[in-house]
Amino acid sequence: MKYRIVRTDKADEQLREIIFYIADDSGSVDVALNYLDKIEKAINCLSDFPMSGSIPRYSILRKQGYRVLIVERHLVFYKVNEDEKVVTIYAVVDGRQEYKNLI
């Protein structure tokens, strides 16, 4: 049975910012859209394999039940609700940042 993927407004906003930044930084909308596609594909895989993300290294995030999916240099934080078969995407952040407070 597939899990339903839900994204918070915050995660959507962060994803938009990442794509705008890449488009601006690379000077190419195509590069940004290809990267977005890569992140979307990784997130969509969670509907079949919700536990494929790893356990975060920060204990506070572990205790709150987050899992993390690594897509190149970005981290996708999510939680799995087994009862309702829902994967909720909470944040998409740059792995090079101090992300503990961004979620």
PDB file of N, CA and C in Angstrom:
ATOM      1  N   MET A   1       0.832  -1.199   0.000  1.00  0.00           N
ATOM      2  CA  MET A   1       0.000   0.000   0.000  1.00  0.00           C
ATOM      3  C   MET A   1       0.874   1.260   0.000  1.00  0.00           C
ATOM      4  N   LYS A   2       0.529   2.164  -0.881  1.00  0.00           N
ATOM      5  CA  LYS A   2       1.294   3.417  -0.979  1.00  0.00           C
ATOM      6  C   LYS A   2       0.921   4.382   0.141  1.00  0.00           C
ATOM      7  N   TYR A   3       1.907   5.142   0.560  1.00  0.00           N
ATOM      8  CA  TYR A   3       1.683   6.200   1.542  1.00  0.00           C
ATOM      9  C   TYR A   3       1.364   7.490   0.787  1.00  0.00           C
ATOM     10  N   ARG A   4       0.533   8.320   1.404  1.00  0.00           N
ATOM     11  CA  ARG A   4       0.209   9.614   0.820  1.00  0.00           C
ATOM     12  C   ARG A   4       1.289  10.600   1.259  1.00  0.00           C
ATOM     13  N   ILE A   5       1.732  11.455   0.347  1.00  0.00           N
ATOM     14  CA  ILE A   5       2.753  12.455   0.665  1.00  0.00           C
ATOM     15  C   ILE A   5       2.069  13.807   0.877  1.00  0.00           C
ATOM     16  N   VAL A   6       2.367  14.440   2.001  1.00  0.00           N
ATOM     17  CA  VAL A   6       1.816  15.752   2.322  1.00  0.00           C
ATOM     18  C   VAL A   6       2.998  16.677   2.599  1.00  0.00           C
ATOM     19  N   ARG A   7       2.935  17.892   2.061  1.00  0.00           N
ATOM     20  CA  ARG A   7       4.002  18.863   2.336  1.00  0.00           C
ATOM     21  C   ARG A   7       3.445  20.034   3.110  1.00  0.00           C
ATOM     22  N   THR A   8       4.183  20.477   4.103  1.00  0.00           N
ATOM     23  CA  THR A   8       3.750  21.661   4.853  1.00  0.00           C
ATOM     24  C   THR A   8       4.024  22.893   3.986  1.00  0.00           C
ATOM     25  N   ASP A   9       3.365  23.996   4.331  1.00  0.00           N
ATOM     26  CA  ASP A   9       3.603  25.262   3.621  1.00  0.00           C
ATOM     27  C   ASP A   9       5.066  25.663   3.753  1.00  0.00           C
ATOM     28  N   LYS A  10       5.618  25.406   4.926  1.00  0.00           N
ATOM     29  CA  LYS A  10       7.014  25.766   5.175  1.00  0.00           C
ATOM     30  C   LYS A  10       7.944  25.006   4.222  1.00  0.00           C
ATOM     31  N   ALA A  11       7.693  23.706   4.061  1.00  0.00           N
ATOM     32  CA  ALA A  11       8.525  22.905   3.159  1.00  0.00           C
ATOM     33  C   ALA A  11       8.392  23.403   1.721  1.00  0.00           C
ATOM     34  N   ASP A  12       7.163  23.725   1.315  1.00  0.00           N
ATOM     35  CA  ASP A  12       6.936  24.265  -0.038  1.00  0.00           C
ATOM     36  C   ASP A  12       7.709  25.566  -0.241  1.00  0.00           C
ATOM     37  N   GLU A  13       7.643  26.423   0.769  1.00  0.00           N
ATOM     38  CA  GLU A  13       8.322  27.715   0.705  1.00  0.00           C
ATOM     39  C   GLU A  13       9.843  27.526   0.612  1.00  0.00           C
ATOM     40  N   GLN A  14      10.370  26.619   1.421  1.00  0.00           N
ATOM     41  CA  GLN A  14      11.814  26.356   1.404  1.00  0.00           C
ATOM     42  C   GLN A  14      12.245  25.813   0.046  1.00  0.00           C
ATOM     43  N   LEU A  15      11.435  24.942  -0.521  1.00  0.00           N
ATOM     44  CA  LEU A  15      11.738  24.363  -1.827  1.00  0.00           C
ATOM     45  C   LEU A  15      11.757  25.454  -2.900  1.00  0.00           C
ATOM     46  N   ARG A  16      10.772  26.354  -2.839  1.00  0.00           N
ATOM     47  CA  ARG A  16      10.738  27.475  -3.783  1.00  0.00           C
ATOM     48  C   ARG A  16      12.004  28.322  -3.678  1.00  0.00           C
ATOM     49  N   GLU A  17      12.398  28.624  -2.434  1.00  0.00           N
ATOM     50  CA  GLU A  17      13.590  29.443  -2.221  1.00  0.00           C
ATOM     51  C   GLU A  17      14.840  28.762  -2.782  1.00  0.00           C
ATOM     52  N   ILE A  18      14.945  27.463  -2.575  1.00  0.00           N
ATOM     53  CA  ILE A  18      16.098  26.704  -3.085  1.00  0.00           C
ATOM     54  C   ILE A  18      16.155  26.799  -4.608  1.00  0.00           C
ATOM     55  N   ILE A  19      15.003  26.594  -5.258  1.00  0.00           N
ATOM     56  CA  ILE A  19      14.958  26.604  -6.721  1.00  0.00           C
ATOM     57  C   ILE A  19      15.275  27.991  -7.268  1.00  0.00           C
ATOM     58  N   PHE A  20      14.711  29.034  -6.640  1.00  0.00           N
ATOM     59  CA  PHE A  20      15.029  30.407  -7.066  1.00  0.00           C
ATOM     60  C   PHE A  20      16.515  30.684  -6.902  1.00  0.00           C
ATOM     61  N   TYR A  21      17.073  30.226  -5.791  1.00  0.00           N
ATOM     62  CA  TYR A  21      18.499  30.455  -5.532  1.00  0.00           C
ATOM     63  C   TYR A  21      19.358  29.765  -6.600  1.00  0.00           C
ATOM     64  N   ILE A  22      19.028  28.521  -6.910  1.00  0.00           N
ATOM     65  CA  ILE A  22      19.811  27.768  -7.908  1.00  0.00           C
ATOM     66  C   ILE A  22      19.691  28.422  -9.282  1.00  0.00           C
ATOM     67  N   ALA A  23      18.487  28.844  -9.636  1.00  0.00           N
ATOM     68  CA  ALA A  23      18.278  29.504 -10.937  1.00  0.00           C
ATOM     69  C   ALA A  23      19.120  30.778 -11.014  1.00  0.00           C
ATOM     70  N   ASP A  24      19.104  31.529  -9.920  1.00  0.00           N
ATOM     71  CA  ASP A  24      19.850  32.786  -9.860  1.00  0.00           C
ATOM     72  C   ASP A  24      21.360  32.520  -9.880  1.00  0.00           C
ATOM     73  N   ASP A  25      21.772  31.560  -9.066  1.00  0.00           N
ATOM     74  CA  ASP A  25      23.189  31.244  -8.905  1.00  0.00           C
ATOM     75  C   ASP A  25      23.794  30.659 -10.182  1.00  0.00           C
ATOM     76  N   SER A  26      23.037  29.781 -10.827  1.00  0.00           N
ATOM     77  CA  SER A  26      23.566  29.105 -12.020  1.00  0.00           C
ATOM     78  C   SER A  26      23.270  29.901 -13.294  1.00  0.00           C
ATOM     79  N   GLY A  27      22.313  30.827 -13.198  1.00  0.00           N
ATOM     80  CA  GLY A  27      21.899  31.583 -14.369  1.00  0.00           C
ATOM     81  C   GLY A  27      21.063  30.748 -15.323  1.00  0.00           C
ATOM     82  N   SER A  28      20.577  29.606 -14.829  1.00  0.00           N
ATOM     83  CA  SER A  28      19.817  28.702 -15.697  1.00  0.00           C
ATOM     84  C   SER A  28      18.573  28.172 -14.998  1.00  0.00           C
ATOM     85  N   VAL A  29      17.427  28.459 -15.595  1.00  0.00           N
ATOM     86  CA  VAL A  29      16.170  27.932 -15.067  1.00  0.00           C
ATOM     87  C   VAL A  29      16.146  26.409 -15.222  1.00  0.00           C
ATOM     88  N   ASP A  30      16.717  25.902 -16.323  1.00  0.00           N
ATOM     89  CA  ASP A  30      16.740  24.451 -16.564  1.00  0.00           C
ATOM     90  C   ASP A  30      17.492  23.702 -15.467  1.00  0.00           C
ATOM     91  N   VAL A  31      18.638  24.255 -15.059  1.00  0.00           N
ATOM     92  CA  VAL A  31      19.426  23.625 -13.995  1.00  0.00           C
ATOM     93  C   VAL A  31      18.570  23.547 -12.724  1.00  0.00           C
ATOM     94  N   ALA A  32      17.886  24.647 -12.407  1.00  0.00           N
ATOM     95  CA  ALA A  32      17.041  24.700 -11.211  1.00  0.00           C
ATOM     96  C   ALA A  32      15.886  23.704 -11.302  1.00  0.00           C
ATOM     97  N   LEU A  33      15.245  23.641 -12.466  1.00  0.00           N
ATOM     98  CA  LEU A  33      14.108  22.724 -12.631  1.00  0.00           C
ATOM     99  C   LEU A  33      14.544  21.263 -12.591  1.00  0.00           C
ATOM    100  N   ASN A  34      15.719  20.977 -13.129  1.00  0.00           N
ATOM    101  CA  ASN A  34      16.246  19.608 -13.060  1.00  0.00           C
ATOM    102  C   ASN A  34      16.509  19.208 -11.614  1.00  0.00           C
ATOM    103  N   TYR A  35      17.016  20.159 -10.833  1.00  0.00           N
ATOM    104  CA  TYR A  35      17.281  19.885  -9.419  1.00  0.00           C
ATOM    105  C   TYR A  35      15.968  19.675  -8.668  1.00  0.00           C
ATOM    106  N   LEU A  36      14.970  20.512  -8.978  1.00  0.00           N
ATOM    107  CA  LEU A  36      13.652  20.368  -8.369  1.00  0.00           C
ATOM    108  C   LEU A  36      13.096  18.975  -8.681  1.00  0.00           C
ATOM    109  N   ASP A  37      13.255  18.555  -9.930  1.00  0.00           N
ATOM    110  CA  ASP A  37      12.789  17.246 -10.371  1.00  0.00           C
ATOM    111  C   ASP A  37      13.445  16.127  -9.543  1.00  0.00           C
ATOM    112  N   LYS A  38      14.731  16.292  -9.291  1.00  0.00           N
ATOM    113  CA  LYS A  38      15.488  15.301  -8.515  1.00  0.00           C
ATOM    114  C   LYS A  38      14.938  15.209  -7.084  1.00  0.00           C
ATOM    115  N   ILE A  39      14.666  16.370  -6.486  1.00  0.00           N
ATOM    116  CA  ILE A  39      14.116  16.385  -5.123  1.00  0.00           C
ATOM    117  C   ILE A  39      12.706  15.789  -5.111  1.00  0.00           C
ATOM    118  N   GLU A  40      11.887  16.178  -6.085  1.00  0.00           N
ATOM    119  CA  GLU A  40      10.505  15.665  -6.175  1.00  0.00           C
ATOM    120  C   GLU A  40      10.494  14.139  -6.321  1.00  0.00           C
ATOM    121  N   LYS A  41      11.390  13.621  -7.184  1.00  0.00           N
ATOM    122  CA  LYS A  41      11.456  12.164  -7.381  1.00  0.00           C
ATOM    123  C   LYS A  41      11.821  11.457  -6.087  1.00  0.00           C
ATOM    124  N   ALA A  42      12.797  12.018  -5.370  1.00  0.00           N
ATOM    125  CA  ALA A  42      13.230  11.423  -4.101  1.00  0.00           C
ATOM    126  C   ALA A  42      12.080  11.421  -3.094  1.00  0.00           C
ATOM    127  N   ILE A  43      11.350  12.546  -3.026  1.00  0.00           N
ATOM    128  CA  ILE A  43      10.208  12.648  -2.105  1.00  0.00           C
ATOM    129  C   ILE A  43       9.121  11.651  -2.510  1.00  0.00           C
ATOM    130  N   ASN A  44       8.846  11.551  -3.806  1.00  0.00           N
ATOM    131  CA  ASN A  44       7.799  10.635  -4.275  1.00  0.00           C
ATOM    132  C   ASN A  44       8.124   9.168  -3.987  1.00  0.00           C
ATOM    133  N   CYS A  45       9.409   8.831  -3.944  1.00  0.00           N
ATOM    134  CA  CYS A  45       9.815   7.455  -3.598  1.00  0.00           C
ATOM    135  C   CYS A  45       9.378   7.075  -2.187  1.00  0.00           C
ATOM    136  N   LEU A  46       9.191   8.089  -1.343  1.00  0.00           N
ATOM    137  CA  LEU A  46       8.766   7.819   0.037  1.00  0.00           C
ATOM    138  C   LEU A  46       7.371   7.206   0.093  1.00  0.00           C
ATOM    139  N   SER A  47       6.575   7.400  -0.943  1.00  0.00           N
ATOM    140  CA  SER A  47       5.234   6.807  -0.924  1.00  0.00           C
ATOM    141  C   SER A  47       5.321   5.277  -0.963  1.00  0.00           C
ATOM    142  N   ASP A  48       6.395   4.757  -1.577  1.00  0.00           N
ATOM    143  CA  ASP A  48       6.602   3.299  -1.589  1.00  0.00           C
ATOM    144  C   ASP A  48       7.545   2.833  -0.480  1.00  0.00           C
ATOM    145  N   PHE A  49       8.508   3.677  -0.137  1.00  0.00           N
ATOM    146  CA  PHE A  49       9.528   3.303   0.851  1.00  0.00           C
ATOM    147  C   PHE A  49       9.654   4.388   1.919  1.00  0.00           C
ATOM    148  N   PRO A  50       8.638   4.520   2.783  1.00  0.00           N
ATOM    149  CA  PRO A  50       8.625   5.626   3.745  1.00  0.00           C
ATOM    150  C   PRO A  50       9.777   5.603   4.745  1.00  0.00           C
ATOM    151  N   MET A  51      10.354   4.434   4.971  1.00  0.00           N
ATOM    152  CA  MET A  51      11.437   4.343   5.955  1.00  0.00           C
ATOM    153  C   MET A  51      12.821   4.428   5.316  1.00  0.00           C
ATOM    154  N   SER A  52      12.873   4.815   4.039  1.00  0.00           N
ATOM    155  CA  SER A  52      14.168   4.824   3.343  1.00  0.00           C
ATOM    156  C   SER A  52      15.089   5.956   3.802  1.00  0.00           C
ATOM    157  N   GLY A  53      14.524   6.993   4.415  1.00  0.00           N
ATOM    158  CA  GLY A  53      15.358   8.064   4.947  1.00  0.00           C
ATOM    159  C   GLY A  53      16.091   7.580   6.190  1.00  0.00           C
ATOM    160  N   SER A  54      17.154   8.275   6.551  1.00  0.00           N
ATOM    161  CA  SER A  54      17.896   7.857   7.734  1.00  0.00           C
ATOM    162  C   SER A  54      17.430   8.606   8.978  1.00  0.00           C
ATOM    163  N   ILE A  55      17.946   8.161  10.113  1.00  0.00           N
ATOM    164  CA  ILE A  55      17.628   8.785  11.390  1.00  0.00           C
ATOM    165  C   ILE A  55      18.534  10.021  11.529  1.00  0.00           C
ATOM    166  N   PRO A  56      17.985  11.187  11.897  1.00  0.00           N
ATOM    167  CA  PRO A  56      18.823  12.388  12.020  1.00  0.00           C
ATOM    168  C   PRO A  56      19.877  12.250  13.119  1.00  0.00           C
ATOM    169  N   ARG A  57      20.975  12.989  12.966  1.00  0.00           N
ATOM    170  CA  ARG A  57      22.049  12.867  13.964  1.00  0.00           C
ATOM    171  C   ARG A  57      21.741  13.629  15.243  1.00  0.00           C
ATOM    172  N   TYR A  58      20.882  14.653  15.168  1.00  0.00           N
ATOM    173  CA  TYR A  58      20.539  15.394  16.384  1.00  0.00           C
ATOM    174  C   TYR A  58      19.475  14.635  17.166  1.00  0.00           C
ATOM    175  N   SER A  59      19.758  14.388  18.462  1.00  0.00           N
ATOM    176  CA  SER A  59      18.825  13.583  19.257  1.00  0.00           C
ATOM    177  C   SER A  59      17.454  14.241  19.391  1.00  0.00           C
ATOM    178  N   ILE A  60      17.416  15.585  19.423  1.00  0.00           N
ATOM    179  CA  ILE A  60      16.116  16.263  19.551  1.00  0.00           C
ATOM    180  C   ILE A  60      15.220  15.945  18.355  1.00  0.00           C
ATOM    181  N   LEU A  61      15.812  15.860  17.167  1.00  0.00           N
ATOM    182  CA  LEU A  61      15.024  15.536  15.968  1.00  0.00           C
ATOM    183  C   LEU A  61      14.648  14.051  15.972  1.00  0.00           C
ATOM    184  N   ARG A  62      15.572  13.218  16.431  1.00  0.00           N
ATOM    185  CA  ARG A  62      15.282  11.778  16.535  1.00  0.00           C
ATOM    186  C   ARG A  62      14.107  11.542  17.468  1.00  0.00           C
ATOM    187  N   LYS A  63      14.153  12.202  18.637  1.00  0.00           N
ATOM    188  CA  LYS A  63      13.101  12.004  19.642  1.00  0.00           C
ATOM    189  C   LYS A  63      11.746  12.450  19.131  1.00  0.00           C
ATOM    190  N   GLN A  64      11.732  13.448  18.243  1.00  0.00           N
ATOM    191  CA  GLN A  64      10.459  13.945  17.706  1.00  0.00           C
ATOM    192  C   GLN A  64       9.967  13.084  16.540  1.00  0.00           C
ATOM    193  N   GLY A  65      10.742  12.071  16.190  1.00  0.00           N
ATOM    194  CA  GLY A  65      10.291  11.135  15.166  1.00  0.00           C
ATOM    195  C   GLY A  65      10.609  11.503  13.730  1.00  0.00           C
ATOM    196  N   TYR A  66      11.501  12.470  13.544  1.00  0.00           N
ATOM    197  CA  TYR A  66      11.862  12.850  12.172  1.00  0.00           C
ATOM    198  C   TYR A  66      12.761  11.803  11.528  1.00  0.00           C
ATOM    199  N   ARG A  67      12.657  11.715  10.219  1.00  0.00           N
ATOM    200  CA  ARG A  67      13.610  10.967   9.398  1.00  0.00           C
ATOM    201  C   ARG A  67      14.151  11.974   8.394  1.00  0.00           C
ATOM    202  N   VAL A  68      15.291  11.660   7.784  1.00  0.00           N
ATOM    203  CA  VAL A  68      15.887  12.611   6.848  1.00  0.00           C
ATOM    204  C   VAL A  68      16.297  11.899   5.562  1.00  0.00           C
ATOM    205  N   LEU A  69      15.948  12.539   4.463  1.00  0.00           N
ATOM    206  CA  LEU A  69      16.281  12.037   3.133  1.00  0.00           C
ATOM    207  C   LEU A  69      17.333  12.981   2.570  1.00  0.00           C
ATOM    208  N   ILE A  70      18.434  12.428   2.088  1.00  0.00           N
ATOM    209  CA  ILE A  70      19.502  13.271   1.558  1.00  0.00           C
ATOM    210  C   ILE A  70      19.411  13.296   0.031  1.00  0.00           C
ATOM    211  N   VAL A  71      19.286  14.508  -0.518  1.00  0.00           N
ATOM    212  CA  VAL A  71      19.251  14.687  -1.971  1.00  0.00           C
ATOM    213  C   VAL A  71      20.371  15.664  -2.313  1.00  0.00           C
ATOM    214  N   GLU A  72      21.470  15.125  -2.814  1.00  0.00           N
ATOM    215  CA  GLU A  72      22.672  15.923  -3.070  1.00  0.00           C
ATOM    216  C   GLU A  72      23.021  16.709  -1.818  1.00  0.00           C
ATOM    217  N   ARG A  73      22.963  18.055  -1.886  1.00  0.00           N
ATOM    218  CA  ARG A  73      23.374  18.788  -0.682  1.00  0.00           C
ATOM    219  C   ARG A  73      22.199  19.248   0.173  1.00  0.00           C
ATOM    220  N   HIS A  74      21.012  18.784  -0.141  1.00  0.00           N
ATOM    221  CA  HIS A  74      19.844  19.169   0.654  1.00  0.00           C
ATOM    222  C   HIS A  74      19.300  18.009   1.485  1.00  0.00           C
ATOM    223  N   LEU A  75      18.686  18.380   2.595  1.00  0.00           N
ATOM    224  CA  LEU A  75      18.110  17.396   3.503  1.00  0.00           C
ATOM    225  C   LEU A  75      16.605  17.622   3.557  1.00  0.00           C
ATOM    226  N   VAL A  76      15.869  16.544   3.392  1.00  0.00           N
ATOM    227  CA  VAL A  76      14.402  16.601   3.443  1.00  0.00           C
ATOM    228  C   VAL A  76      13.986  15.932   4.757  1.00  0.00           C
ATOM    229  N   PHE A  77      13.386  16.704   5.651  1.00  0.00           N
ATOM    230  CA  PHE A  77      12.947  16.170   6.936  1.00  0.00           C
ATOM    231  C   PHE A  77      11.478  15.820   6.873  1.00  0.00           C
ATOM    232  N   TYR A  78      11.162  14.616   7.351  1.00  0.00           N
ATOM    233  CA  TYR A  78       9.775  14.160   7.290  1.00  0.00           C
ATOM    234  C   TYR A  78       9.453  13.230   8.448  1.00  0.00           C
ATOM    235  N   LYS A  79       8.154  13.006   8.638  1.00  0.00           N
ATOM    236  CA  LYS A  79       7.674  12.043   9.627  1.00  0.00           C
ATOM    237  C   LYS A  79       6.711  11.093   8.933  1.00  0.00           C
ATOM    238  N   VAL A  80       6.663   9.880   9.446  1.00  0.00           N
ATOM    239  CA  VAL A  80       5.773   8.858   8.890  1.00  0.00           C
ATOM    240  C   VAL A  80       4.670   8.564   9.898  1.00  0.00           C
ATOM    241  N   ASN A  81       3.430   8.639   9.447  1.00  0.00           N
ATOM    242  CA  ASN A  81       2.298   8.244  10.278  1.00  0.00           C
ATOM    243  C   ASN A  81       1.840   6.877   9.766  1.00  0.00           C
ATOM    244  N   GLU A  82       2.228   5.838  10.500  1.00  0.00           N
ATOM    245  CA  GLU A  82       1.918   4.463  10.087  1.00  0.00           C
ATOM    246  C   GLU A  82       0.409   4.198  10.043  1.00  0.00           C
ATOM    247  N   ASP A  83      -0.301   4.708  11.043  1.00  0.00           N
ATOM    248  CA  ASP A  83      -1.741   4.440  11.136  1.00  0.00           C
ATOM    249  C   ASP A  83      -2.501   4.982   9.936  1.00  0.00           C
ATOM    250  N   GLU A  84      -2.152   6.200   9.537  1.00  0.00           N
ATOM    251  CA  GLU A  84      -2.879   6.837   8.434  1.00  0.00           C
ATOM    252  C   GLU A  84      -2.181   6.668   7.087  1.00  0.00           C
ATOM    253  N   LYS A  85      -1.006   6.020   7.098  1.00  0.00           N
ATOM    254  CA  LYS A  85      -0.221   5.814   5.865  1.00  0.00           C
ATOM    255  C   LYS A  85       0.075   7.155   5.179  1.00  0.00           C
ATOM    256  N   VAL A  86       0.582   8.100   5.975  1.00  0.00           N
ATOM    257  CA  VAL A  86       0.905   9.430   5.468  1.00  0.00           C
ATOM    258  C   VAL A  86       2.363   9.762   5.784  1.00  0.00           C
ATOM    259  N   VAL A  87       3.044  10.329   4.797  1.00  0.00           N
ATOM    260  CA  VAL A  87       4.396  10.859   4.993  1.00  0.00           C
ATOM    261  C   VAL A  87       4.257  12.378   4.900  1.00  0.00           C
ATOM    262  N   THR A  88       4.639  13.077   5.970  1.00  0.00           N
ATOM    263  CA  THR A  88       4.557  14.540   5.972  1.00  0.00           C
ATOM    264  C   THR A  88       5.958  15.130   5.843  1.00  0.00           C
ATOM    265  N   ILE A  89       6.145  15.948   4.812  1.00  0.00           N
ATOM    266  CA  ILE A  89       7.420  16.627   4.579  1.00  0.00           C
ATOM    267  C   ILE A  89       7.376  17.944   5.354  1.00  0.00           C
ATOM    268  N   TYR A  90       8.297  18.099   6.303  1.00  0.00           N
ATOM    269  CA  TYR A  90       8.293  19.285   7.156  1.00  0.00           C
ATOM    270  C   TYR A  90       9.279  20.353   6.718  1.00  0.00           C
ATOM    271  N   ALA A  91      10.410  19.941   6.157  1.00  0.00           N
ATOM    272  CA  ALA A  91      11.433  20.932   5.819  1.00  0.00           C
ATOM    273  C   ALA A  91      12.369  20.395   4.750  1.00  0.00           C
ATOM    274  N   VAL A  92      12.869  21.332   3.925  1.00  0.00           N
ATOM    275  CA  VAL A  92      13.900  21.018   2.928  1.00  0.00           C
ATOM    276  C   VAL A  92      14.987  22.064   3.141  1.00  0.00           C
ATOM    277  N   VAL A  93      16.132  21.631   3.664  1.00  0.00           N
ATOM    278  CA  VAL A  93      17.181  22.585   4.024  1.00  0.00           C
ATOM    279  C   VAL A  93      18.527  22.195   3.422  1.00  0.00           C
ATOM    280  N   ASP A  94      19.392  23.181   3.336  1.00  0.00           N
ATOM    281  CA  ASP A  94      20.756  22.964   2.853  1.00  0.00           C
ATOM    282  C   ASP A  94      21.530  22.244   3.952  1.00  0.00           C
ATOM    283  N   GLY A  95      22.075  21.103   3.642  1.00  0.00           N
ATOM    284  CA  GLY A  95      22.786  20.297   4.624  1.00  0.00           C
ATOM    285  C   GLY A  95      24.039  20.955   5.162  1.00  0.00           C
ATOM    286  N   ARG A  96      24.509  22.001   4.503  1.00  0.00           N
ATOM    287  CA  ARG A  96      25.715  22.682   4.962  1.00  0.00           C
ATOM    288  C   ARG A  96      25.401  23.716   6.033  1.00  0.00           C
ATOM    289  N   GLN A  97      24.114  24.002   6.236  1.00  0.00           N
ATOM    290  CA  GLN A  97      23.714  24.974   7.256  1.00  0.00           C
ATOM    291  C   GLN A  97      23.521  24.277   8.594  1.00  0.00           C
ATOM    292  N   GLU A  98      23.470  25.065   9.627  1.00  0.00           N
ATOM    293  CA  GLU A  98      23.098  24.555  10.953  1.00  0.00           C
ATOM    294  C   GLU A  98      21.578  24.450  10.920  1.00  0.00           C
ATOM    295  N   TYR A  99      21.083  23.257  10.644  1.00  0.00           N
ATOM    296  CA  TYR A  99      19.655  23.119  10.327  1.00  0.00           C
ATOM    297  C   TYR A  99      18.770  22.793  11.509  1.00  0.00           C
ATOM    298  N   LYS A 100      19.357  22.526  12.653  1.00  0.00           N
ATOM    299  CA  LYS A 100      18.559  22.101  13.813  1.00  0.00           C
ATOM    300  C   LYS A 100      17.432  23.094  14.110  1.00  0.00           C
ATOM    301  N   ASN A 101      17.711  24.383  13.931  1.00  0.00           N
ATOM    302  CA  ASN A 101      16.722  25.416  14.268  1.00  0.00           C
ATOM    303  C   ASN A 101      15.829  25.812  13.097  1.00  0.00           C
ATOM    304  N   LEU A 102      16.048  25.217  11.937  1.00  0.00           N
ATOM    305  CA  LEU A 102      15.279  25.599  10.745  1.00  0.00           C
ATOM    306  C   LEU A 102      13.994  24.810  10.594  1.00  0.00           C
ATOM    307  N   ILE A 103      13.858  23.775  11.386  1.00  0.00           N
ATOM    308  CA  ILE A 103      12.712  22.870  11.194  1.00  0.00           C
ATOM    309  C   ILE A 103      11.522  23.319  12.042  1.00  0.00           C
TER     310      ILE A 103
END
